[in-house]
């Protein structure tokens, strides 16, 4: 009788201990990677079945996928996404596809009529080189940097963004417009310096970063979209917007470009003023009175119809990726930036923003915005939102896979 009672008590104790155990946390990053592999895999199947090399950007009003050619600024993001999926999954079947879609846009290395060669080549060939070490990719990057350098205007000390002889830009009265987006192209120049030993690329990048830092930001940390410089003497002629609500409003993706771009400038130069600006612009966005509870910005933080204005998931994804990099830097309270990035990623991965498998044209994220003033790409998926979401996933995984250390730098078990 006593033995039976002891056995019962032991069994009850085991059950009791079992009931108090914490459930195993779901692998957030792993689940997002698995979804991305399957969703983008669906798009790859569509493209391969067509017998063409297609480059998906967004959805058209009729729900069909819009594919771009190599000259369009978005052309590097889909090849870059395939590189990231290959890297995140280790799926060797993706390697030849990443190479194929990257090779299809190589001619962009010779583009001299707009500044976005940095986006195009950096996101595709840049990731290809980083992952494979292919020397041919380095050569493409250096040539693209030569092309981008032709747009440097010595009087103003900047890289001209748009030509003004044609298109809607010609109607604005600008002489030498520079958009905040252009800081994203400086990474290409920094890389080309390392690859070639030609310091002129570095000096152009620093000159552009410095003049932009001096002219493109307001006291509160927010960025103007467009600064128009004089071609004669390099002075500022106008401070305008093109894709924001108003000249003095805060176009959200422009703020994201500033945060990300100046984080890169700090990484590449070690000059703390660049990181200070990235953090100041981030704090402006974080503390903005119109920032929604889920942290996904409106397309413009001063748009008049808030809270009924379109959101911009692409801005959130770009900011998240930048914050993960900032969180690895030797600065006080660096962990807070990862915490905020994790919150952004949780929102982006929620059903409110992440597409259901097989929907959304096989893009990962919903609710991005291209240009409201141009009535273009409003509340749609965009390939660069997906690209920065994947980059953020990689950075998050890399950070979380590192051994934990205490405040003295000693590794914890």
Protein backbone atom coordinates (compact mmCIF):
# COMPACT_ATOMS: atom_id res chain seq x y z
CA UNK A 1 0.00 0.00 0.00
CA UNK A 2 2.81 2.37 0.97
CA UNK A 3 4.69 1.57 -2.26
CA UNK A 4 1.62 2.35 -4.33
CA UNK A 5 1.15 5.64 -2.50
CA UNK A 6 4.78 6.64 -3.07
CA UNK A 7 4.53 5.75 -6.75
CA UNK A 8 1.37 7.83 -7.10
CA UNK A 9 2.99 10.82 -5.38
CA UNK A 10 6.08 10.52 -7.60
CA UNK A 11 3.88 10.37 -10.71
CA UNK A 12 1.94 13.43 -9.56
CA UNK A 13 5.19 15.29 -8.90
CA UNK A 14 6.40 14.54 -12.43
CA UNK A 15 3.12 15.78 -13.88
CA UNK A 16 3.29 18.88 -11.73
CA UNK A 17 6.83 19.65 -12.87
CA UNK A 18 5.81 19.06 -16.44
CA UNK A 19 2.95 21.51 -16.18
CA UNK A 20 5.27 24.31 -15.06
CA UNK A 21 7.68 24.05 -17.95
CA UNK A 22 7.72 26.99 -20.38
CA UNK A 23 6.60 26.15 -23.92
CA UNK A 24 9.35 26.16 -26.53
CA UNK A 25 9.37 29.53 -28.31
CA UNK A 26 8.58 29.47 -32.00
CA UNK A 27 11.55 30.08 -34.28
CA UNK A 28 10.44 33.42 -35.72
CA UNK A 29 13.34 33.87 -38.10
CA UNK A 30 13.28 30.29 -39.30
CA UNK A 31 9.56 30.48 -40.01
CA UNK A 32 9.99 33.69 -42.02
CA UNK A 33 12.82 32.17 -44.03
CA UNK A 34 10.77 29.07 -44.78
CA UNK A 35 7.84 31.18 -45.94
CA UNK A 36 10.08 33.38 -48.09
CA UNK A 37 11.67 30.33 -49.72
CA UNK A 38 8.28 28.95 -50.67
CA UNK A 39 6.71 32.26 -51.75
CA UNK A 40 9.65 33.44 -53.84
CA UNK A 41 10.02 29.87 -55.05
CA UNK A 42 6.53 30.20 -56.53
CA UNK A 43 7.64 33.34 -58.38
CA UNK A 44 10.76 31.61 -59.63
CA UNK A 45 8.62 28.78 -60.97
CA UNK A 46 6.43 31.28 -62.83
CA UNK A 47 9.46 32.98 -64.35
CA UNK A 48 11.22 29.77 -65.30
CA UNK A 49 8.05 28.38 -66.88
CA UNK A 50 7.86 31.47 -69.09
CA UNK A 51 11.17 30.66 -70.72
CA UNK A 52 12.23 34.28 -70.15
CA UNK A 53 14.35 36.12 -67.64
CA UNK A 54 11.86 38.36 -65.85
CA UNK A 55 12.40 40.85 -63.06
CA UNK A 56 9.30 41.32 -60.85
CA UNK A 57 8.76 44.72 -59.22
CA UNK A 58 5.13 45.12 -58.13
CA UNK A 59 1.52 44.49 -59.10
CA UNK A 60 -0.24 46.49 -61.79
CA UNK A 61 -3.78 47.81 -61.22
CA UNK A 62 -5.20 44.74 -62.98
CA UNK A 63 -3.42 42.46 -60.51
CA UNK A 64 -0.77 41.19 -62.92
CA UNK A 65 2.92 41.39 -62.11
CA UNK A 66 4.94 44.30 -63.47
CA UNK A 67 8.39 43.26 -64.68
CA UNK A 68 11.13 45.82 -65.26
CA UNK A 69 14.20 45.98 -67.50
CA UNK A 70 17.76 46.46 -66.32
CA UNK A 71 17.69 50.27 -66.63
CA UNK A 72 14.98 50.75 -64.00
CA UNK A 73 16.14 51.55 -60.48
CA UNK A 74 14.36 48.55 -58.97
CA UNK A 75 16.09 45.98 -61.21
CA UNK A 76 18.67 44.86 -58.64
CA UNK A 77 16.30 43.96 -55.84
CA UNK A 78 14.84 40.70 -57.13
CA UNK A 79 18.24 39.20 -58.01
CA UNK A 80 19.42 40.38 -54.59
CA UNK A 81 16.46 38.66 -52.93
CA UNK A 82 17.32 35.39 -54.65
CA UNK A 83 20.88 35.72 -53.32
CA UNK A 84 19.52 36.25 -49.82
CA UNK A 85 17.17 33.28 -50.03
CA UNK A 86 20.07 31.14 -51.24
CA UNK A 87 22.22 32.34 -48.36
CA UNK A 88 19.49 31.95 -45.74
CA UNK A 89 18.45 28.45 -46.80
CA UNK A 90 21.61 26.95 -48.27
CA UNK A 91 19.44 25.58 -51.07
CA UNK A 92 21.96 24.91 -53.85
CA UNK A 93 19.24 24.90 -56.52
CA UNK A 94 18.98 28.66 -56.08
CA UNK A 95 22.60 29.43 -56.87
CA UNK A 96 22.36 29.12 -60.67
CA UNK A 97 19.17 31.18 -60.61
CA UNK A 98 20.79 33.94 -58.56
CA UNK A 99 23.66 33.99 -61.04
CA UNK A 100 21.32 34.03 -64.03
CA UNK A 101 19.10 36.88 -62.83
CA UNK A 102 22.14 38.85 -61.73
CA UNK A 103 23.92 38.37 -65.04
CA UNK A 104 20.83 39.54 -66.89
CA UNK A 105 21.26 43.09 -65.57
CA UNK A 106 25.04 43.41 -65.99
CA UNK A 107 24.73 46.09 -68.66
CA UNK A 108 23.51 48.44 -65.93
CA UNK A 109 27.16 48.88 -64.96
CA UNK A 110 27.47 51.30 -67.89
CA UNK A 111 24.48 53.49 -67.02
CA UNK A 112 25.49 57.13 -66.64
CA UNK A 113 22.15 58.90 -66.98
CA UNK A 114 20.88 58.29 -63.45
CA UNK A 115 22.32 57.67 -60.01
CA UNK A 116 20.57 54.42 -59.21
CA UNK A 117 23.34 52.24 -60.59
CA UNK A 118 24.34 51.82 -56.95
CA UNK A 119 21.01 50.23 -56.06
CA UNK A 120 21.00 48.12 -59.21
CA UNK A 121 24.53 46.72 -59.05
CA UNK A 122 25.06 46.80 -55.30
CA UNK A 123 22.03 44.70 -54.41
CA UNK A 124 22.69 42.11 -57.13
CA UNK A 125 26.39 41.88 -57.95
CA UNK A 126 27.33 43.18 -54.50
CA UNK A 127 25.58 40.30 -52.77
CA UNK A 128 26.83 37.88 -55.40
CA UNK A 129 30.42 38.87 -54.67
CA UNK A 130 29.91 38.79 -50.91
CA UNK A 131 28.48 35.30 -51.02
CA UNK A 132 30.60 33.67 -53.74
CA UNK A 133 33.76 35.78 -53.98
CA UNK A 134 33.43 35.77 -57.78
CA UNK A 135 36.15 38.12 -59.09
CA UNK A 136 34.02 38.93 -62.12
CA UNK A 137 31.42 40.50 -59.87
CA UNK A 138 34.06 42.81 -58.42
CA UNK A 139 34.89 44.04 -61.90
CA UNK A 140 31.24 44.88 -62.53
CA UNK A 141 31.07 46.83 -59.27
CA UNK A 142 34.14 48.88 -60.16
CA UNK A 143 32.79 49.68 -63.61
CA UNK A 144 29.45 50.71 -62.10
CA UNK A 145 31.32 53.02 -59.73
CA UNK A 146 33.06 54.62 -62.72
CA UNK A 147 29.67 55.21 -64.30
CA UNK A 148 28.23 56.68 -61.12
CA UNK A 149 31.25 58.94 -60.72
CA UNK A 150 30.48 60.67 -64.01
CA UNK A 151 27.55 62.29 -62.24
CA UNK A 152 29.75 64.03 -59.66
CA UNK A 153 29.41 67.81 -59.84
CA UNK A 154 32.48 69.49 -58.37
CA UNK A 155 30.92 72.92 -57.83
CA UNK A 156 28.37 71.49 -55.41
CA UNK A 157 30.44 68.50 -54.32
CA UNK A 158 27.59 66.08 -54.93
CA UNK A 159 26.42 63.33 -57.28
CA UNK A 160 23.51 64.60 -59.37
CA UNK A 161 20.48 62.38 -58.99
CA UNK A 162 18.21 63.21 -61.91
CA UNK A 163 18.80 64.73 -65.32
CA UNK A 164 16.42 67.62 -66.00
CA UNK A 165 16.31 67.72 -69.79
CA UNK A 166 13.32 65.42 -70.12
CA UNK A 167 10.44 63.83 -68.21
CA UNK A 168 8.54 65.31 -65.31
CA UNK A 169 11.81 66.48 -63.74
CA UNK A 170 12.22 68.96 -66.59
CA UNK A 171 9.02 70.71 -65.49
CA UNK A 172 10.21 71.52 -61.97
CA UNK A 173 12.73 74.23 -62.80
CA UNK A 174 15.63 72.36 -61.23
CA UNK A 175 19.24 72.58 -62.35
CA UNK A 176 20.96 69.86 -60.34
CA UNK A 177 18.55 67.90 -58.13
CA UNK A 178 19.88 65.59 -55.45
CA UNK A 179 17.50 63.27 -53.62
CA UNK A 180 18.13 61.77 -50.21
CA UNK A 181 17.90 58.33 -51.86
CA UNK A 182 21.34 58.99 -53.33
CA UNK A 183 23.13 58.26 -50.04
CA UNK A 184 22.15 54.63 -50.62
CA UNK A 185 24.40 54.53 -53.68
CA UNK A 186 27.54 55.55 -51.81
CA UNK A 187 28.20 52.00 -50.61
CA UNK A 188 29.04 51.08 -54.19
CA UNK A 189 31.77 53.73 -54.25
CA UNK A 190 33.24 52.60 -50.95
CA UNK A 191 33.37 49.01 -52.19
CA UNK A 192 34.94 50.05 -55.50
CA UNK A 193 37.73 51.79 -53.59
CA UNK A 194 38.57 48.55 -51.79
CA UNK A 195 38.41 46.51 -54.97
CA UNK A 196 40.38 48.88 -57.21
CA UNK A 197 42.58 50.90 -54.90
CA UNK A 198 41.26 54.03 -56.64
CA UNK A 199 40.64 56.51 -53.82
CA UNK A 200 38.69 58.88 -56.07
CA UNK A 201 35.58 56.79 -55.47
CA UNK A 202 36.01 57.21 -51.71
CA UNK A 203 36.52 60.96 -51.97
CA UNK A 204 33.41 61.39 -54.12
CA UNK A 205 31.36 59.38 -51.62
CA UNK A 206 32.60 61.42 -48.66
CA UNK A 207 32.07 64.72 -50.50
CA UNK A 208 28.50 63.75 -51.32
CA UNK A 209 27.83 62.53 -47.78
CA UNK A 210 29.19 65.73 -46.26
CA UNK A 211 27.33 68.17 -48.50
CA UNK A 212 24.11 66.22 -48.09
CA UNK A 213 24.62 66.23 -44.33
CA UNK A 214 24.99 70.00 -44.39
CA UNK A 215 22.08 70.82 -46.68
CA UNK A 216 19.45 68.09 -46.66
CA UNK A 217 18.40 67.88 -43.00
CA UNK A 218 16.15 69.97 -40.78
CA UNK A 219 16.91 70.78 -37.17
CA UNK A 220 14.54 68.06 -35.96
CA UNK A 221 16.55 65.40 -37.82
CA UNK A 222 14.15 64.88 -40.70
CA UNK A 223 15.32 64.98 -44.29
CA UNK A 224 14.17 67.00 -47.27
CA UNK A 225 13.59 64.84 -50.31
CA UNK A 226 15.14 67.06 -53.00
CA UNK A 227 17.90 69.66 -52.82
CA UNK A 228 18.40 71.59 -56.05
CA UNK A 229 21.92 72.95 -56.52
CA UNK A 230 23.18 75.56 -58.94
CA UNK A 231 25.30 74.18 -61.73
CA UNK A 232 27.13 77.53 -61.86
CA UNK A 233 28.37 77.97 -58.31
CA UNK A 234 26.98 74.99 -56.37
CA UNK A 235 24.72 76.95 -54.01
CA UNK A 236 21.33 75.61 -52.91
CA UNK A 237 18.54 76.88 -55.14
CA UNK A 238 15.56 74.99 -53.67
CA UNK A 239 14.59 72.52 -50.97
CA UNK A 240 11.68 70.54 -52.37
CA UNK A 241 9.91 67.21 -52.46
CA UNK A 242 8.98 64.98 -55.36
CA UNK A 243 7.40 61.94 -53.73
CA UNK A 244 6.39 63.42 -50.38
CA UNK A 245 3.25 65.30 -49.42
CA UNK A 246 4.86 68.75 -49.25
CA UNK A 247 8.26 70.42 -49.37
CA UNK A 248 8.42 70.59 -45.57
CA UNK A 249 6.84 67.21 -44.85
CA UNK A 250 8.59 63.99 -43.82
CA UNK A 251 8.41 61.50 -46.68
CA UNK A 252 8.91 58.24 -44.83
CA UNK A 253 11.02 56.31 -47.29
CA UNK A 254 13.35 59.30 -47.52
CA UNK A 255 13.86 59.09 -43.77
CA UNK A 256 14.58 55.37 -44.12
CA UNK A 257 17.16 56.02 -46.84
CA UNK A 258 18.86 58.58 -44.58
CA UNK A 259 19.01 56.21 -41.59
CA UNK A 260 20.37 53.35 -43.66
CA UNK A 261 22.69 55.41 -45.87
CA UNK A 262 24.42 57.26 -43.04
CA UNK A 263 24.80 54.03 -41.08
CA UNK A 264 26.76 52.72 -44.07
CA UNK A 265 28.82 55.93 -44.23
CA UNK A 266 29.77 55.49 -40.57
CA UNK A 267 30.69 51.85 -41.12
CA UNK A 268 32.89 52.75 -44.09
CA UNK A 269 34.62 55.86 -42.68
CA UNK A 270 34.42 55.61 -38.90
CA UNK A 271 33.28 59.25 -38.79
CA UNK A 272 30.81 59.48 -35.92
CA UNK A 273 28.92 62.46 -37.40
CA UNK A 274 27.34 60.11 -39.92
CA UNK A 275 26.03 57.72 -37.27
CA UNK A 276 24.83 60.69 -35.23
CA UNK A 277 22.69 61.78 -38.16
CA UNK A 278 21.33 58.27 -38.72
CA UNK A 279 20.33 58.08 -35.06
CA UNK A 280 18.84 61.58 -35.06
CA UNK A 281 16.67 60.76 -38.07
CA UNK A 282 15.64 57.47 -36.48
CA UNK A 283 14.64 59.23 -33.26
CA UNK A 284 12.60 61.68 -35.30
CA UNK A 285 10.66 58.81 -36.84
CA UNK A 286 10.38 56.81 -33.63
CA UNK A 287 9.02 59.73 -31.64
CA UNK A 288 6.81 61.22 -34.34
CA UNK A 289 3.33 61.92 -33.02
CA UNK A 290 1.78 60.21 -36.04
CA UNK A 291 3.76 56.96 -35.75
CA UNK A 292 1.19 54.14 -35.56
CA UNK A 293 1.17 51.62 -32.74
CA UNK A 294 2.44 48.88 -35.06
CA UNK A 295 5.41 51.13 -36.08
CA UNK A 296 4.80 50.81 -39.83
CA UNK A 297 5.03 54.42 -41.09
CA UNK A 298 2.49 56.20 -43.19
CA UNK A 299 3.84 57.01 -46.65
CA UNK A 300 4.42 60.56 -45.37
CA UNK A 301 4.32 61.32 -41.67
CA UNK A 302 2.63 64.66 -42.34
CA UNK A 303 0.06 63.48 -44.88
CA UNK A 304 -3.25 65.22 -44.23
CA UNK A 305 -5.48 62.13 -44.11
CA UNK A 306 -3.74 60.29 -41.27
CA UNK A 307 -4.83 57.78 -39.93
CA UNK A 308 -6.45 56.83 -43.22
CA UNK A 309 -3.34 57.37 -45.36
CA UNK A 310 -1.51 54.43 -47.00
CA UNK A 311 1.30 52.80 -45.06
CA UNK A 312 4.76 52.05 -46.39
CA UNK A 313 6.12 48.65 -45.40
CA UNK A 314 9.23 49.29 -47.51
CA UNK A 315 10.27 52.11 -45.17
CA UNK A 316 9.84 49.88 -42.14
CA UNK A 317 11.86 47.04 -43.69
CA UNK A 318 14.70 49.38 -44.63
CA UNK A 319 14.78 50.94 -41.16
CA UNK A 320 14.76 47.50 -39.52
CA UNK A 321 17.74 46.38 -41.56
CA UNK A 322 19.69 49.53 -40.68
CA UNK A 323 18.86 49.20 -36.98
CA UNK A 324 20.15 45.64 -36.87
CA UNK A 325 23.48 46.88 -38.17
CA UNK A 326 23.50 49.77 -35.70
CA UNK A 327 22.84 47.31 -32.85
CA UNK A 328 26.17 45.61 -33.58
CA UNK A 329 28.16 48.85 -33.28
CA UNK A 330 30.17 49.85 -30.24
CA UNK A 331 27.81 52.53 -28.94
CA UNK A 332 25.91 52.94 -25.66
CA UNK A 333 22.64 50.99 -25.35
CA UNK A 334 23.12 49.39 -28.77
CA UNK A 335 20.63 46.67 -27.86
CA UNK A 336 17.71 49.09 -27.93
CA UNK A 337 18.03 49.35 -31.70
CA UNK A 338 17.69 45.60 -32.11
CA UNK A 339 14.65 45.65 -29.85
CA UNK A 340 12.98 48.25 -32.07
CA UNK A 341 13.98 46.36 -35.21
CA UNK A 342 12.49 43.17 -33.75
CA UNK A 343 9.21 45.03 -33.18
CA UNK A 344 9.23 46.24 -36.79
CA UNK A 345 9.85 42.72 -38.04
CA UNK A 346 7.08 41.31 -35.87
CA UNK A 347 4.65 43.76 -37.45
CA UNK A 348 5.88 43.09 -40.98
CA UNK A 349 5.59 39.34 -40.42
CA UNK A 350 2.05 39.61 -39.06
CA UNK A 351 -0.99 38.82 -41.22
CA UNK A 352 -1.56 42.56 -41.58
CA UNK A 353 1.55 42.94 -43.76
CA UNK A 354 2.87 39.52 -44.75
CA UNK A 355 1.04 37.95 -47.65
CA UNK A 356 -0.61 34.56 -47.53
CA UNK A 357 1.29 31.90 -49.41
CA UNK A 358 0.52 31.96 -53.12
CA UNK A 359 -1.15 35.38 -53.05
CA UNK A 360 0.07 38.94 -53.57
CA UNK A 361 1.75 38.10 -56.88
CA UNK A 362 4.16 35.93 -54.86
CA UNK A 363 5.70 39.00 -53.20
CA UNK A 364 6.37 38.69 -49.48
CA UNK A 365 4.97 41.93 -48.10
CA UNK A 366 1.82 43.95 -48.68
CA UNK A 367 1.10 47.65 -48.16
CA UNK A 368 4.07 49.52 -49.57
CA UNK A 369 3.86 52.86 -51.35
CA UNK A 370 5.93 54.16 -54.26
CA UNK A 371 4.81 57.70 -55.06
CA UNK A 372 1.45 59.10 -54.07
CA UNK A 373 1.98 62.45 -55.90
CA UNK A 374 2.61 60.52 -59.12
CA UNK A 375 -0.37 58.20 -58.48
CA UNK A 376 2.04 55.30 -58.79
CA UNK A 377 2.41 52.09 -56.75
CA UNK A 378 0.07 52.97 -53.91
CA UNK A 379 -0.67 50.25 -51.32
CA UNK A 380 0.99 47.47 -53.30
CA UNK A 381 3.82 44.97 -52.87
CA UNK A 382 7.24 46.25 -53.92
CA UNK A 383 10.35 44.21 -54.57
CA UNK A 384 12.56 46.47 -52.49
CA UNK A 385 10.32 45.99 -49.45
CA UNK A 386 10.92 42.26 -49.81
CA UNK A 387 14.65 42.78 -50.34
CA UNK A 388 15.17 44.77 -47.15
CA UNK A 389 12.91 42.40 -45.21
CA UNK A 390 15.17 39.52 -46.25
CA UNK A 391 18.30 41.50 -45.49
CA UNK A 392 16.91 42.30 -42.05
CA UNK A 393 16.16 38.60 -41.49
CA UNK A 394 19.74 37.73 -42.33
CA UNK A 395 21.12 40.37 -40.00
CA UNK A 396 18.75 39.31 -37.23
CA UNK A 397 19.78 35.67 -37.63
CA UNK A 398 23.47 36.55 -37.67
CA UNK A 399 23.15 38.59 -34.48
CA UNK A 400 21.13 35.96 -32.64
CA UNK A 401 23.49 33.14 -33.64
CA UNK A 402 26.43 34.85 -31.93
CA UNK A 403 27.43 33.56 -28.47
CA UNK A 404 26.07 35.59 -25.57
CA UNK A 405 28.62 37.63 -23.63
CA UNK A 406 28.43 39.52 -20.35
CA UNK A 407 29.27 43.21 -19.90
CA UNK A 408 32.97 42.32 -19.59
CA UNK A 409 32.93 40.53 -22.93
CA UNK A 410 33.15 37.05 -21.39
CA UNK A 411 31.25 34.37 -23.29
CA UNK A 412 28.28 32.94 -21.43
CA UNK A 413 27.24 29.31 -21.60
